[in-house]
Protein backbone atom coordinates (compact mmCIF):
# COMPACT_ATOMS: atom_id res chain seq x y z
CA MET A 1 -32.93 -13.32 1.43
CA ARG A 2 -31.40 -15.39 -1.36
CA LYS A 3 -31.04 -12.35 -3.61
CA THR A 4 -29.32 -10.43 -0.84
CA LEU A 5 -26.92 -13.29 -0.17
CA LEU A 6 -26.21 -13.72 -3.87
CA GLY A 7 -25.63 -9.99 -4.25
CA MET A 8 -23.21 -9.99 -1.34
CA CYS A 9 -21.30 -12.91 -2.84
CA VAL A 10 -21.03 -11.17 -6.21
CA LEU A 11 -19.86 -7.93 -4.60
CA GLY A 12 -17.33 -9.81 -2.50
CA THR A 13 -15.95 -11.56 -5.56
CA LEU A 14 -15.68 -8.31 -7.50
CA ALA A 15 -13.98 -6.56 -4.59
CA PHE A 16 -11.48 -9.42 -4.25
CA ALA A 17 -10.71 -9.33 -7.98
CA GLN A 18 -10.19 -5.57 -7.88
CA VAL A 19 -7.87 -5.79 -4.85
CA SER A 20 -5.94 -8.63 -6.48
CA PHE A 21 -5.53 -6.61 -9.70
CA ALA A 22 -4.45 -3.53 -7.74
CA GLN A 23 -1.88 -5.54 -5.80
CA GLU A 24 -0.40 -7.02 -8.96
CA THR A 25 -0.33 -3.62 -10.65
CA GLY A 26 1.30 -2.14 -7.55
CA LYS A 27 3.98 -4.83 -7.61
CA LYS A 28 4.69 -4.05 -11.25
CA GLU A 29 5.07 -0.34 -10.47
CA LEU A 30 7.37 -1.09 -7.55
CA ARG A 31 9.56 -3.21 -9.85
CA GLU A 32 9.72 -0.27 -12.25
CA HIS A 33 10.62 2.13 -9.43
CA PRO A 34 13.13 0.21 -7.29
CA ARG A 35 14.19 3.22 -5.24
CA ILE A 36 10.63 3.73 -4.04
CA ALA A 37 10.32 0.01 -3.29
CA SER A 38 13.56 0.24 -1.32
CA ALA A 39 12.31 3.28 0.60
CA ILE A 40 9.15 1.41 1.59
CA ARG A 41 11.21 -1.57 2.82
CA GLU A 42 13.55 0.72 4.76
CA LEU A 43 10.65 2.56 6.36
CA HIS A 44 9.12 -0.76 7.44
CA GLY A 45 12.48 -1.71 8.95
CA ALA A 46 12.75 1.61 10.77
CA ILE A 47 9.25 1.20 12.19
CA GLU A 48 10.05 -2.30 13.44
CA TYR A 49 13.29 -1.06 14.97
CA MET A 50 11.62 1.85 16.73
CA GLU A 51 8.78 -0.32 18.01
CA ARG A 52 11.27 -2.73 19.61
CA ALA A 53 13.55 -0.01 20.96
CA PRO A 54 13.46 0.33 24.75
CA HIS A 55 13.76 4.13 24.62
CA ASP A 56 11.46 6.76 23.15
CA PHE A 57 14.04 8.74 21.15
CA GLY A 58 13.58 11.86 23.23
CA GLY A 59 9.81 11.74 22.97
CA HIS A 60 9.80 11.49 19.17
CA LYS A 61 9.24 7.74 18.81
CA ALA A 62 5.45 7.69 18.48
CA GLN A 63 5.35 10.55 16.00
CA ALA A 64 8.23 9.11 13.97
CA ILE A 65 6.42 5.78 13.70
CA ALA A 66 3.16 7.48 12.71
CA ASP A 67 4.88 9.67 10.13
CA SER A 68 6.77 6.70 8.71
CA ARG A 69 3.49 4.84 8.26
CA LYS A 70 2.02 7.88 6.53
CA ALA A 71 5.06 8.06 4.25
CA ILE A 72 4.60 4.40 3.28
CA GLU A 73 0.94 5.06 2.55
CA GLN A 74 1.80 8.06 0.36
CA LEU A 75 4.45 6.11 -1.56
CA ARG A 76 1.95 3.32 -2.20
CA LEU A 77 -0.65 5.85 -3.36
CA ALA A 78 1.92 7.36 -5.71
CA MET A 79 2.55 3.92 -7.21
CA GLN A 80 -1.19 3.29 -7.54
CA TYR A 81 -1.55 6.60 -9.35
CA ARG A 82 1.28 5.70 -11.74
CA ALA A 83 -0.35 2.35 -12.41
CA SER A 84 -3.69 4.01 -13.13
CA GLN A 85 -2.03 6.38 -15.59
CA GLU A 86 -0.34 3.48 -17.37
CA ASN A 87 -3.67 1.65 -17.53
CA ARG A 88 -5.33 4.73 -19.04
CA LYS A 89 -2.61 4.97 -21.70
CA GLY A 90 -3.19 1.36 -22.67
CA LYS A 91 -6.93 1.96 -23.11
CA LYS A 92 -6.57 4.90 -25.51
């Protein structure tokens, strides 16, 4: 039981450290690509606007929100990829 608990604590700590590193690396990439950072902010704003809007934009509201969220996810993945490539260059 103790070994299991200790193992879970170690894994949790490692996962937190990895997420923290990824977030910091992502922030660095977004600073280096301000237009992508701006696009992400604008998409978040559009999602908030559409969610609060009393109308459904001719039946397109739900799909537009979903697609905007997917776009944000893809932009973040692109930045993570760039960060991983920069990290690989530094290790060579």
